[in-house]
Amino acid sequence: MRRPASCEALLVLLFCLVCSAAADGQLAPVPYPAENPPTEEKRVLGKILFWDEQLSSDDTVACGTCHQAGVGGSDPRLGTHPGPDGLFGTSDDIIGSPGIARADLDGIPLLDPLFGFEVQVTNRSSQPVIGSQWAPEMFWDGRASSTFIDPQTGLVSIASGGALESQAVAPLLSDVEMAFEGRTWADLVTKMETVAPLALGTDLPADVAAILVGGTDYPELFAAAFGSPGITAERIAFAIATYERTLVPDQTPFDLGTLTPQQQTGFNILTNNTVCFNCHIPPLFSDNEFYNIGLRPSADDLGRFNVTGDIEHRGSFKTPTLRNVGLRPAQMHVGWVTDVQDAIDFYNAPAWPSVDPVTGHTQFTAEQSPIPAPGAPPGTAPSYNDIFMPTQFHPAVIAFLANGLTDPRVANETFPFDRPTLQSELPNPVQFVRGDCNTDGANNIADAVTVLNVLFPAPTPPTMGCEDACDGNDDGAIDIADAIAVLSSLFGFPAIPLPAPTSCGPDPTTAETLECSIYPNCP
């Protein structure tokens, strides 16, 4: 017997709701700019570069340090930036990424007005690089544009579609993220020509280990990828961007059509009962546009306005993808939104000056962007009040966002999201002061005497608790040149400063065999 038309329509509707996630889940093919076609050699080189801490001035930060797959392509290390008021512990603080301690080009520490001699922290959270292949601009404010300008020549390298390349070069010379002040591309290239690729990394991924097994150096890797051994900013950017374009998180339950009933319900709620997908458009779950959602007053951080000068962009930031959002410990550009529930709580918060007494959230509505509503008649576009989500919807929505959009390869850091173990992830090494061979906490003539006693014992050499401290010139060996280095730093005309660390710190040079088992005058 033929079913009533209304029943057939209902069955079709239910079927469509169940299948809609899978249908919407087909990510578009990854676009590659014509100027930077993919090759396997370029991909592997990019992976090595992305994870090599030696690309930073002090060997402590790689690109991947702040963009780890296990936390959704963001940073597991949560540092605090004091925000525009310069005071820690106030409402405008930002949860950002720790970078490097401020230092001049020779590595001599410089006093920073915010962080002193400690590691600096970025003033925005780390934005996930996974899923960024389709973005026409990169960074929260979109300052890394589609047109990639070679930073060494000033010429256009990629006319369009080069946002990843534009982004890749920025941290390498940033004196907050990876570089000593005044660092140039020539400085970085000179270093890369002499270091062993990923010398500081352990547990290398199979594809990387296979390339480096014979002691391949960077000039050889660049020759394999580009046809000649020259290392340039453009080639570094091309290789890193090629690697990043392979990080496609397309094996989530949403993509594979394996959502649980609860996750499917969450997707249906977001589709039919909220305006969340007006900006977080499936299947990428981002529209890559810029909005002021009222996290903080616009004056705290002008965001996109600093790039475009458009008054309507004050306080606007790029819509992040919701793929793998459940893995990320710091949400949105401020970083202090902790998880999906906390994000929902923000959107449910009242307008300033009212504050939710339970969550502590408020919305600064003075310059909030309108929510996009294509085709809506003038004056009928949804407002942020329409985002309010009843409590009974939360469990299903969280199940979808936090789990239904998680690619297990990302969560488990398996290929292509695998990576080496970074030196910075290992237990902290002993800190010491360079040249302080007698470990009394200061550089003085007694240190030079101690070096000489080590070399010419009478009758027995003194015990060295920290060989690295005795290595005054940081050449990886203890010899008479170390005594000369200490004396030159004390009595030279002009005085020749010793290599880092000149105050308590770990050894920045790890490609040597000297040890530092104990140094009593540092924390």
Protein backbone atom coordinates (compact mmCIF):
# COMPACT_ATOMS: atom_id res chain seq x y z
CA MET A 1 0.00 0.00 0.00
CA ARG A 2 1.25 3.45 -0.87
CA ARG A 3 2.24 5.56 2.15
CA PRO A 4 0.59 8.98 2.54
CA ALA A 5 2.58 11.73 0.91
CA SER A 6 3.18 13.41 4.25
CA CYS A 7 4.81 10.25 5.64
CA GLU A 8 7.03 9.91 2.59
CA ALA A 9 8.09 13.51 2.96
CA LEU A 10 8.88 12.93 6.63
CA LEU A 11 10.99 9.86 5.83
CA VAL A 12 12.88 11.77 3.16
CA LEU A 13 13.46 14.62 5.59
CA LEU A 14 14.78 12.30 8.29
CA PHE A 15 17.04 10.54 5.79
CA CYS A 16 18.40 13.87 4.60
CA LEU A 17 19.11 14.99 8.15
CA VAL A 18 21.08 11.81 8.82
CA CYS A 19 23.03 12.06 5.59
CA SER A 20 23.49 15.81 5.48
CA ALA A 21 26.71 15.77 7.44
CA ALA A 22 28.37 13.29 5.08
CA ALA A 23 27.13 15.16 2.05
CA ASP A 24 28.47 18.46 3.36
CA GLY A 25 31.71 16.83 4.51
CA GLN A 26 33.58 16.75 1.24
CA LEU A 27 36.39 19.24 1.53
CA ALA A 28 37.40 20.83 -1.74
CA PRO A 29 40.68 19.72 -3.33
CA VAL A 30 43.65 21.54 -1.82
CA PRO A 31 44.62 24.47 -4.06
CA TYR A 32 48.29 24.82 -5.00
CA PRO A 33 49.61 28.05 -6.52
CA ALA A 34 51.08 27.54 -9.98
CA GLU A 35 54.36 29.04 -8.82
CA ASN A 36 54.79 26.37 -6.13
CA PRO A 37 53.67 22.96 -7.45
CA PRO A 38 53.95 20.07 -4.99
CA THR A 39 56.73 17.48 -5.03
CA GLU A 40 57.58 14.81 -2.47
CA GLU A 41 61.09 16.21 -2.00
CA LYS A 42 59.65 19.63 -1.24
CA ARG A 43 57.08 18.18 1.17
CA VAL A 44 59.68 16.29 3.21
CA LEU A 45 61.99 19.30 3.29
CA GLY A 46 59.08 21.41 4.50
CA LYS A 47 58.32 18.91 7.23
CA ILE A 48 61.94 18.97 8.39
CA LEU A 49 62.03 22.77 8.38
CA PHE A 50 58.69 23.01 10.19
CA TRP A 51 59.93 20.88 13.09
CA ASP A 52 63.57 22.05 13.35
CA GLU A 53 64.18 24.14 16.47
CA GLN A 54 67.50 25.24 15.00
CA LEU A 55 65.61 27.68 12.76
CA SER A 56 65.20 29.83 15.87
CA SER A 57 68.11 31.95 17.06
CA ASP A 58 68.40 30.13 20.39
CA ASP A 59 67.50 26.60 19.21
CA THR A 60 64.39 26.43 21.39
CA VAL A 61 61.44 27.10 19.05
CA ALA A 62 60.35 25.44 15.81
CA CYS A 63 57.36 26.38 13.71
CA GLY A 64 55.76 23.20 15.00
CA THR A 65 56.37 24.12 18.64
CA CYS A 66 53.29 26.35 18.48
CA HIS A 67 51.34 24.18 16.02
CA GLN A 68 51.13 20.61 17.31
CA ALA A 69 48.60 18.21 15.88
CA GLY A 70 47.76 16.59 19.20
CA VAL A 71 46.19 19.87 20.30
CA GLY A 72 44.43 20.50 17.00
CA GLY A 73 47.35 22.28 15.34
CA SER A 74 47.69 24.84 18.12
CA ASP A 75 50.03 25.26 21.11
CA PRO A 76 49.87 23.08 24.23
CA ARG A 77 52.02 25.61 26.12
CA LEU A 78 49.88 28.36 27.58
CA GLY A 79 51.73 31.59 28.32
CA THR A 80 50.27 34.87 29.55
CA HIS A 81 50.66 38.22 27.82
CA PRO A 82 49.59 41.18 30.00
CA GLY A 83 47.54 42.78 27.23
CA PRO A 84 47.41 46.46 26.32
CA ASP A 85 47.51 47.69 29.93
CA GLY A 86 50.88 45.99 30.48
CA LEU A 87 49.72 44.53 33.81
CA PHE A 88 49.51 40.83 34.57
CA GLY A 89 46.37 39.52 36.23
CA THR A 90 43.90 42.00 34.72
CA SER A 91 40.91 41.43 32.46
CA ASP A 92 42.74 42.23 29.22
CA ASP A 93 45.37 39.49 29.63
CA ILE A 94 45.88 37.17 26.66
CA ILE A 95 46.77 33.48 26.63
CA GLY A 96 49.45 33.30 23.94
CA SER A 97 52.44 31.23 22.87
CA PRO A 98 55.83 31.41 24.62
CA GLY A 99 58.56 32.46 22.19
CA ILE A 100 62.15 33.36 23.03
CA ALA A 101 63.75 35.61 25.61
CA ARG A 102 64.65 39.02 24.27
CA ALA A 103 68.29 39.25 23.16
CA ASP A 104 70.48 41.17 20.75
CA LEU A 105 71.95 39.61 17.62
CA ASP A 106 74.86 38.17 19.62
CA GLY A 107 72.50 36.50 22.06
CA ILE A 108 73.21 38.98 24.86
CA PRO A 109 70.05 39.22 26.99
CA LEU A 110 68.04 42.43 26.79
CA LEU A 111 65.62 43.60 29.45
CA ASP A 112 62.08 43.54 28.09
CA PRO A 113 59.61 45.99 29.70
CA LEU A 114 56.91 43.30 29.93
CA PHE A 115 58.77 40.03 30.45
CA GLY A 116 62.14 41.09 31.87
CA PHE A 117 64.70 38.43 31.00
CA GLU A 118 62.06 35.71 30.77
CA VAL A 119 60.63 34.18 27.61
CA GLN A 120 58.30 36.54 25.76
CA VAL A 121 54.70 35.56 24.98
CA THR A 122 52.72 36.46 21.86
CA ASN A 123 49.77 38.84 22.18
CA ARG A 124 47.36 36.44 20.44
CA SER A 125 46.77 32.72 20.73
CA SER A 126 48.28 30.30 18.25
CA GLN A 127 45.92 29.80 15.32
CA PRO A 128 45.72 26.22 13.97
CA VAL A 129 47.64 25.65 10.76
CA ILE A 130 45.74 22.41 10.10
CA GLY A 131 42.86 23.20 7.76
CA SER A 132 44.33 26.53 6.66
CA GLN A 133 44.95 25.39 3.08
CA TRP A 134 41.81 27.11 1.81
CA ALA A 135 42.31 30.46 3.56
CA PRO A 136 42.93 33.45 1.27
CA GLU A 137 44.70 35.26 4.14
CA MET A 138 46.53 33.93 7.18
CA PHE A 139 46.89 34.96 10.83
CA TRP A 140 44.03 36.17 13.00
CA ASP A 141 44.11 39.55 11.28
CA GLY A 142 44.79 38.26 7.76
CA ARG A 143 48.05 40.18 7.37
CA ALA A 144 49.67 37.26 5.53
CA SER A 145 48.13 37.90 2.15
CA SER A 146 47.36 35.79 -0.89
CA THR A 147 50.15 37.56 -2.78
CA PHE A 148 53.49 36.27 -1.52
CA ILE A 149 56.29 38.81 -1.67
CA ASP A 150 59.81 37.39 -1.46
CA PRO A 151 61.15 39.08 1.71
CA GLN A 152 64.71 39.05 0.38
CA THR A 153 64.08 40.53 -3.07
CA GLY A 154 60.82 42.42 -2.60
CA LEU A 155 59.50 40.78 -5.77
CA VAL A 156 56.20 38.94 -6.19
CA SER A 157 56.84 35.21 -5.92
CA ILE A 158 53.19 34.10 -5.96
CA ALA A 159 50.55 36.36 -7.47
CA SER A 160 47.58 34.67 -5.82
CA GLY A 161 47.01 31.74 -3.47
CA GLY A 162 50.24 32.17 -1.50
CA ALA A 163 48.91 32.95 1.98
CA LEU A 164 50.65 29.92 3.48
CA GLU A 165 53.94 31.06 1.99
CA SER A 166 53.37 34.59 3.31
CA GLN A 167 52.68 33.20 6.76
CA ALA A 168 55.62 30.78 6.82
CA VAL A 169 58.32 33.45 6.68
CA ALA A 170 56.95 35.76 9.39
CA PRO A 171 57.89 33.92 12.64
CA LEU A 172 61.46 33.20 11.51
CA LEU A 173 62.55 36.83 11.94
CA SER A 174 60.07 37.74 14.69
CA ASP A 175 62.02 38.90 17.76
CA VAL A 176 59.20 37.62 19.96
CA GLU A 177 58.67 34.21 18.39
CA MET A 178 61.94 32.83 16.99
CA ALA A 179 64.65 35.46 16.41
CA PHE A 180 67.17 37.59 18.24
CA GLU A 181 66.73 41.28 17.50
CA GLY A 182 68.24 42.37 14.20
CA ARG A 183 68.33 38.89 12.68
CA THR A 184 68.44 38.85 8.88
CA TRP A 185 67.74 36.21 6.29
CA ALA A 186 71.47 36.03 5.65
CA ASP A 187 71.99 35.14 9.33
CA LEU A 188 69.44 32.34 9.13
CA VAL A 189 70.81 30.99 5.85
CA THR A 190 74.37 30.95 7.21
CA LYS A 191 73.21 28.94 10.21
CA MET A 192 71.25 26.48 8.09
CA GLU A 193 74.26 25.86 5.87
CA THR A 194 76.21 24.53 8.86
CA VAL A 195 73.74 22.71 11.15
CA ALA A 196 72.60 19.12 10.75
CA PRO A 197 68.86 19.04 9.95
CA LEU A 198 66.73 18.17 12.97
CA ALA A 199 69.85 17.58 15.07
CA LEU A 200 67.87 18.46 18.19
CA GLY A 201 64.88 16.24 17.41
CA THR A 202 64.37 12.62 18.42
CA ASP A 203 61.83 9.95 17.43
CA LEU A 204 61.94 11.18 13.84
CA PRO A 205 58.98 10.23 11.59
CA ALA A 206 59.76 7.47 9.10
CA ASP A 207 59.66 9.70 6.01
CA VAL A 208 62.05 12.17 7.63
CA ALA A 209 64.40 9.54 9.05
CA ALA A 210 64.70 7.89 5.63
CA ILE A 211 65.91 11.14 4.08
CA LEU A 212 68.35 12.02 6.87
CA VAL A 213 69.79 8.56 7.51
CA GLY A 214 72.96 9.25 5.52
CA GLY A 215 73.72 12.56 7.18
CA THR A 216 72.07 14.67 4.49
CA ASP A 217 72.58 18.39 5.09
CA TYR A 218 70.33 21.31 4.27
CA PRO A 219 72.05 22.30 0.99
CA GLU A 220 71.53 18.72 -0.23
CA LEU A 221 67.87 18.77 0.82
CA PHE A 222 67.31 22.06 -1.00
CA ALA A 223 69.08 20.69 -4.07
CA ALA A 224 66.76 17.67 -4.09
CA ALA A 225 63.68 19.88 -3.73
CA PHE A 226 64.64 22.79 -5.99
CA GLY A 227 67.44 21.60 -8.26
CA SER A 228 70.27 23.57 -6.63
CA PRO A 229 71.62 23.83 -3.07
CA GLY A 230 70.84 27.49 -2.49
CA ILE A 231 68.88 28.29 0.67
CA THR A 232 66.59 31.31 0.34
CA ALA A 233 63.60 32.75 2.14
CA GLU A 234 61.42 31.98 -0.87
CA ARG A 235 62.48 28.34 -0.93
CA ILE A 236 61.98 27.98 2.82
CA ALA A 237 58.46 29.36 2.43
CA PHE A 238 57.70 27.17 -0.59
CA ALA A 239 58.79 24.01 1.24
CA ILE A 240 56.97 24.73 4.51
CA ALA A 241 53.77 25.70 2.67
CA THR A 242 53.95 22.53 0.56
CA TYR A 243 54.13 20.46 3.74
CA GLU A 244 51.28 22.38 5.36
CA ARG A 245 49.04 21.79 2.34
CA THR A 246 49.26 18.03 2.97
CA LEU A 247 47.77 18.37 6.47
CA VAL A 248 44.17 17.72 5.44
CA PRO A 249 41.97 16.69 8.41
CA ASP A 250 39.31 14.89 6.38
CA GLN A 251 38.82 11.65 8.30
CA THR A 252 36.53 12.87 11.06
CA PRO A 253 33.28 11.04 11.89
CA PHE A 254 31.55 13.91 10.07
CA ASP A 255 33.52 13.19 6.89
CA LEU A 256 33.16 9.42 7.09
CA GLY A 257 29.44 9.42 7.89
CA THR A 258 30.03 7.73 11.26
CA LEU A 259 28.54 10.31 13.61
CA THR A 260 26.89 8.86 16.70
CA PRO A 261 23.19 9.63 17.16
CA GLN A 262 24.08 12.27 19.74
CA GLN A 263 26.66 13.86 17.45
CA GLN A 264 24.18 13.85 14.57
CA THR A 265 21.63 15.54 16.81
CA GLY A 266 24.20 18.19 17.63
CA PHE A 267 24.84 18.81 13.94
CA ASN A 268 21.12 19.08 13.28
CA ILE A 269 20.68 21.57 16.13
CA LEU A 270 23.48 23.74 14.79
CA THR A 271 22.00 23.56 11.30
CA ASN A 272 18.36 24.16 12.13
CA ASN A 273 18.24 25.96 15.47
CA THR A 274 21.22 28.34 15.48
CA VAL A 275 23.04 30.80 13.23
CA CYS A 276 26.46 29.31 14.07
CA PHE A 277 26.90 27.94 10.56
CA ASN A 278 26.36 31.38 9.04
CA CYS A 279 30.07 31.91 9.76
CA HIS A 280 31.32 28.39 10.51
CA ILE A 281 30.14 27.07 7.16
CA PRO A 282 30.50 23.32 6.52
CA PRO A 283 32.48 21.44 5.39
CA LEU A 284 35.45 23.58 6.47
CA PHE A 285 33.39 25.06 9.30
CA SER A 286 34.81 28.48 8.58
CA ASP A 287 34.09 31.16 6.01
CA ASN A 288 37.61 32.63 6.44
CA GLU A 289 36.03 36.05 6.97
CA PHE A 290 36.66 38.55 9.76
CA TYR A 291 34.24 39.55 12.52
CA ASN A 292 34.16 41.43 15.79
CA ILE A 293 32.28 39.08 18.09
CA GLY A 294 32.72 41.22 21.20
CA LEU A 295 35.25 39.19 23.18
CA ARG A 296 36.96 42.40 24.29
CA PRO A 297 36.61 46.11 23.52
CA SER A 298 37.94 46.85 20.05
CA ALA A 299 40.58 49.21 21.43
CA ASP A 300 42.33 46.26 23.11
CA ASP A 301 43.34 44.83 19.73
CA LEU A 302 42.20 46.45 16.49
CA GLY A 303 42.72 43.20 14.57
CA ARG A 304 41.83 43.35 10.89
CA PHE A 305 41.64 47.16 11.00
CA ASN A 306 45.44 47.30 11.32
CA VAL A 307 45.67 45.57 7.94
CA THR A 308 42.88 47.24 5.96
CA GLY A 309 42.31 50.57 7.70
CA ASP A 310 38.58 49.96 7.28
CA ILE A 311 36.73 51.31 10.31
CA GLU A 312 34.25 48.43 10.06
CA HIS A 313 37.11 46.02 10.72
CA ARG A 314 37.95 47.39 14.18
CA GLY A 315 38.38 44.47 16.55
CA SER A 316 37.64 41.90 13.83
CA PHE A 317 39.37 38.53 13.62
CA LYS A 318 39.22 35.57 11.29
CA THR A 319 36.66 32.83 11.78
CA PRO A 320 38.62 29.75 12.91
CA THR A 321 37.74 26.33 11.56
CA LEU A 322 35.86 24.15 14.02
CA ARG A 323 37.60 21.01 12.76
CA ASN A 324 39.54 19.49 15.69
CA VAL A 325 38.27 22.25 17.97
CA GLY A 326 37.82 19.69 20.74
CA LEU A 327 41.58 19.19 20.90
CA ARG A 328 42.51 22.84 21.32
CA PRO A 329 43.20 24.13 24.86
CA ALA A 330 43.00 27.83 23.93
CA GLN A 331 40.09 29.05 21.82
CA MET A 332 39.70 32.26 19.82
CA HIS A 333 42.34 34.97 19.48
CA VAL A 334 42.35 35.81 23.19
CA GLY A 335 43.16 32.22 24.18
CA TRP A 336 41.27 32.31 27.47
CA VAL A 337 38.20 30.58 26.07
CA THR A 338 39.10 27.09 27.22
CA ASP A 339 36.86 24.64 25.36
CA VAL A 340 33.62 24.22 23.41
CA GLN A 341 31.45 24.61 26.50
CA ASP A 342 33.25 27.82 27.40
CA ALA A 343 32.70 29.14 23.87
CA ILE A 344 28.98 28.42 24.12
CA ASP A 345 28.94 30.16 27.49
CA PHE A 346 30.49 33.26 25.91
CA TYR A 347 27.85 33.41 23.19
CA ASN A 348 25.16 32.97 25.84
CA ALA A 349 26.59 35.84 27.92
CA PRO A 350 24.82 39.19 28.41
CA ALA A 351 26.03 42.48 26.99
CA TRP A 352 28.49 44.62 28.92
CA PRO A 353 28.25 45.95 31.63
CA SER A 354 26.27 42.89 32.71
CA VAL A 355 28.36 39.80 33.43
CA ASP A 356 27.18 36.21 33.69
CA PRO A 357 27.56 35.42 37.42
CA VAL A 358 28.40 31.77 36.75
CA THR A 359 30.72 31.87 33.76
CA GLY A 360 32.12 35.38 34.18
CA HIS A 361 31.56 36.10 30.48
CA THR A 362 30.22 39.27 28.92
CA GLN A 363 29.91 40.55 25.36
CA PHE A 364 31.23 43.96 24.32
CA THR A 365 28.53 44.82 21.83
CA ALA A 366 29.42 48.41 20.90
CA GLU A 367 31.22 47.40 17.70
CA GLN A 368 30.05 43.82 17.20
CA SER A 369 29.86 42.80 13.56
CA PRO A 370 26.48 41.88 12.09
CA ILE A 371 26.03 38.18 11.58
CA PRO A 372 26.08 37.39 7.86
CA ALA A 373 22.75 36.28 6.45
CA PRO A 374 22.96 35.95 2.66
CA GLY A 375 19.65 36.85 1.02
CA ALA A 376 18.08 38.28 4.16
CA PRO A 377 16.02 41.45 3.59
CA PRO A 378 17.52 44.65 5.05
CA GLY A 379 16.97 44.95 8.78
CA THR A 380 16.22 41.26 9.23
CA ALA A 381 19.75 39.90 9.66
CA PRO A 382 20.18 37.80 12.81
CA SER A 383 21.76 39.36 15.89
CA TYR A 384 24.06 37.83 18.47
CA ASN A 385 21.01 37.27 20.66
CA ASP A 386 20.00 34.62 18.12
CA ILE A 387 23.10 32.61 19.01
CA PHE A 388 21.78 31.94 22.53
CA MET A 389 21.66 28.18 22.97
CA PRO A 390 19.35 26.54 25.52
CA THR A 391 21.10 24.32 28.05
CA GLN A 392 19.34 21.18 26.83
CA PHE A 393 21.09 21.55 23.47
CA HIS A 394 24.60 21.70 24.94
CA PRO A 395 25.49 17.99 25.33
CA ALA A 396 24.64 17.08 21.74
CA VAL A 397 26.28 20.18 20.27
CA ILE A 398 29.43 19.62 22.31
CA ALA A 399 29.50 15.95 21.27
CA PHE A 400 29.40 16.98 17.62
CA LEU A 401 31.93 19.79 17.80
CA ALA A 402 34.39 18.21 20.25
CA ASN A 403 34.31 14.67 18.86
CA GLY A 404 32.40 14.53 15.58
CA LEU A 405 34.85 17.00 14.01
CA THR A 406 38.01 15.37 15.39
CA ASP A 407 40.26 13.50 12.96
CA PRO A 408 41.85 10.62 14.95
CA ARG A 409 45.07 10.97 12.93
CA VAL A 410 45.35 14.52 14.22
CA ALA A 411 44.59 13.53 17.81
CA ASN A 412 47.06 10.63 17.71
CA GLU A 413 49.68 12.46 15.62
CA THR A 414 49.89 9.78 12.96
CA PHE A 415 50.87 10.36 9.33
CA PRO A 416 50.66 12.93 7.85
CA PHE A 417 50.34 14.62 11.24
CA ASP A 418 53.28 12.76 12.81
CA ARG A 419 56.25 14.67 14.14
CA PRO A 420 59.55 14.35 16.01
CA THR A 421 59.96 14.85 19.72
CA LEU A 422 61.31 18.35 20.25
CA GLN A 423 64.26 19.07 22.51
CA SER A 424 62.14 21.65 24.31
CA GLU A 425 59.74 18.86 25.32
CA LEU A 426 62.47 16.94 27.14
CA PRO A 427 63.20 17.46 30.85
CA ASN A 428 64.79 20.84 31.46
CA PRO A 429 68.60 20.72 31.34
CA VAL A 430 70.73 22.15 34.12
CA GLN A 431 71.13 25.92 33.88
CA PHE A 432 74.54 27.57 34.23
CA VAL A 433 76.55 30.73 33.53
CA ARG A 434 79.01 30.56 30.64
CA GLY A 435 82.66 30.79 31.76
CA ASP A 436 81.96 30.13 35.45
CA CYS A 437 84.21 27.08 35.59
CA ASN A 438 84.51 27.06 39.38
CA THR A 439 80.72 27.38 39.72
CA ASP A 440 80.82 30.20 42.25
CA GLY A 441 78.08 32.10 40.43
CA ALA A 442 80.24 34.79 38.81
CA ASN A 443 82.81 35.24 36.07
CA ASN A 444 86.21 36.11 37.51
CA ILE A 445 89.91 35.36 37.13
CA ALA A 446 89.49 32.24 39.25
CA ASP A 447 87.52 30.68 36.39
CA ALA A 448 90.49 31.04 34.03
CA VAL A 449 92.73 29.49 36.70
CA THR A 450 90.28 26.59 37.07
CA VAL A 451 90.39 25.95 33.32
CA LEU A 452 94.20 25.86 33.45
CA ASN A 453 94.09 23.48 36.42
CA VAL A 454 91.79 21.20 34.43
CA LEU A 455 94.24 21.19 31.53
CA PHE A 456 97.45 21.05 33.57
CA PRO A 457 96.56 19.31 36.83
CA ALA A 458 98.92 19.51 39.77
CA PRO A 459 98.64 17.03 41.24
CA THR A 460 95.00 16.18 40.34
CA PRO A 461 92.45 18.06 38.23
CA PRO A 462 89.60 19.81 40.03
CA THR A 463 86.17 18.23 39.85
CA MET A 464 83.96 19.79 37.18
CA GLY A 465 80.28 19.72 37.97
CA CYS A 466 79.50 21.63 34.78
CA GLU A 467 81.76 21.11 31.78
CA ASP A 468 79.57 23.43 29.72
CA ALA A 469 80.33 26.31 32.09
CA CYS A 470 84.08 25.74 31.60
CA ASP A 471 83.64 25.86 27.81
CA GLY A 472 84.06 29.62 27.78
CA ASN A 473 84.06 30.01 24.00
CA ASP A 474 81.32 27.40 23.43
CA ASP A 475 83.30 25.41 20.87
CA GLY A 476 82.43 22.03 22.37
CA ALA A 477 85.86 21.42 23.93
CA ILE A 478 87.70 22.55 27.04
CA ASP A 479 91.07 24.03 26.11
CA ILE A 480 93.29 27.03 26.75
CA ALA A 481 91.08 29.13 24.48
CA ASP A 482 88.40 28.96 27.17
CA ALA A 483 90.69 30.59 29.73
CA ILE A 484 91.53 33.26 27.16
CA ALA A 485 87.80 33.80 26.48
CA VAL A 486 87.13 34.39 30.19
CA LEU A 487 90.05 36.80 30.54
CA SER A 488 89.03 38.64 27.36
CA SER A 489 85.53 39.14 28.76
CA LEU A 490 87.01 40.60 31.95
CA PHE A 491 90.00 42.61 30.76
CA GLY A 492 89.73 42.98 26.99
CA PHE A 493 89.92 46.38 25.32
CA PRO A 494 87.18 46.25 24.36
CA ALA A 495 85.83 43.40 26.43
CA ILE A 496 84.68 40.44 24.35
CA PRO A 497 81.41 39.05 25.77
CA LEU A 498 81.14 35.34 26.37
CA PRO A 499 78.56 33.31 24.41
CA ALA A 500 75.18 32.58 25.95
CA PRO A 501 74.11 31.89 28.58
CA THR A 502 75.61 34.95 30.27
CA SER A 503 73.03 34.64 33.01
CA CYS A 504 71.44 31.45 34.29
CA GLY A 505 70.17 29.45 31.35
CA PRO A 506 70.44 26.11 29.51
CA ASP A 507 73.15 25.41 26.96
CA PRO A 508 71.89 26.65 23.57
CA THR A 509 74.49 24.45 21.85
CA THR A 510 73.48 20.81 22.11
CA ALA A 511 75.44 19.28 19.24
CA GLU A 512 78.44 18.49 21.47
CA THR A 513 79.38 15.99 24.18
CA LEU A 514 80.06 18.22 27.19
CA GLU A 515 77.84 17.69 30.23
CA CYS A 516 76.48 19.84 33.02
CA SER A 517 75.31 17.58 35.81
CA ILE A 518 75.22 20.20 38.56
CA TYR A 519 75.52 23.95 38.85
CA PRO A 520 74.63 25.18 42.35
CA ASN A 521 74.02 28.86 41.65
CA CYS A 522 71.05 28.66 39.28
CA PRO A 523 67.47 27.56 39.96
